[in-house]
Amino acid sequence: MDNQSFVTDFQLLGYSDILALRILTFGGFLLIYLAALIGNLLMITVVILNPHLQTPMYFFLVNLNIVDLSFISVTVPKAMANSVINTRRISYYACMAQVFFFFWAGASEFLFLTLMAYDRYVAICNPLNYVKEMNWETCLKMATSAWIFGFFDASLNTACTFTITFCSNKINQFFCEIPQLLKLSCSSSSYLIELGPLVFTVLICVGCFSFTVISYVYIFRAVFIIPSVEGKKKAFSTCLPHLAVLCLFYFTGVYACLGTMFRTSSGLDLLLAVLYSMVPPFMNPIIYSMRNKEITTALWKLSHKTRNMISV
């Protein structure tokens, strides 16, 4: 293939030819996807139906749940379908759409995780001004800005990626991942066209991560001087799960994006892709519900109300 115009589809090589492994892959992906789907939808329902959860923290959490649903739905259903029908094909425009929506959801997720860190910082370190600083107008502007920036970042990276000339259509991944697509470039000059926006995205992520870490330094310093043991437990229950999810998403995502460019493809790429594209959407509802007493109580009330309606 000497020119991009001849590439009408791509071959996703992140699948095994062995039937048993394909079935195992399909089963694992299906379980993770259903768990993520049910968990995130349940979290959204609980927050919307419970008046006590109509706060900025849970507003950002609902946005994060919506992002998670989008993030995992962009890649996993197609991967499961390919496993079932034993095909590796994805059309050129479907690949382009997958890159765009995957990047949009990924960038938005990182921004919402950063906004949630800022919300916790204001709530714990500056509680007297929390209502004033985190009013609904401000929260709506923050959320809108996160979605818009994610859209801009996805548009920039998608446009630059698909202006390069592809010399091959074989992608060593189970979905259209930009670092893997860059390896198909015919020339170093066209490779650099997309490398710039990708590095810009990584730098933004590093900036957001640094801001979050600094916020948590102040948060933990404030938590340790709280005299109440119950207050400390409540603060840690809302902060530690968020920090754990952020670190998992950040380190696996950045390593997958940058590491892929400087090493040959291997099974490690597939594992990292699963970690940063499937595990956070799957784990977020579990972590936030198990470590949060308000969410646990709301879930119990919702299940109790549902049982009563069924029995009637």
Foldseek 3Di string as FASTA:
>chain_A
DFFQVPQFKFFAAQDDPDLVRLVVVLVVLVVLLVLLVVLLVLLLVLLVPDPVNPFLLSVLVNVLSVLLNQLQVLFSVLLNVCSVVVGRIDTPVSQLVSQLSNQLSLQLNLQSLLVSLVLLLCCQVPVVCNCVCRPPVNSVVSSVVSNVVSNVLSVQLSVLLSVFTFPHRYFHESGNDSLSSLVRGPDPVSSVSNVVSVVVSLVVSVVSVVSSVVSVVSRVVSLVPDPDPVSSLQSCLSPVLSVVLSVQQNPLVVCLNVVSNPDPDDVVNHVSCCRNRRVSSSCVSVSNCVSHPVNVVSSVVVVVVVVVVVVD
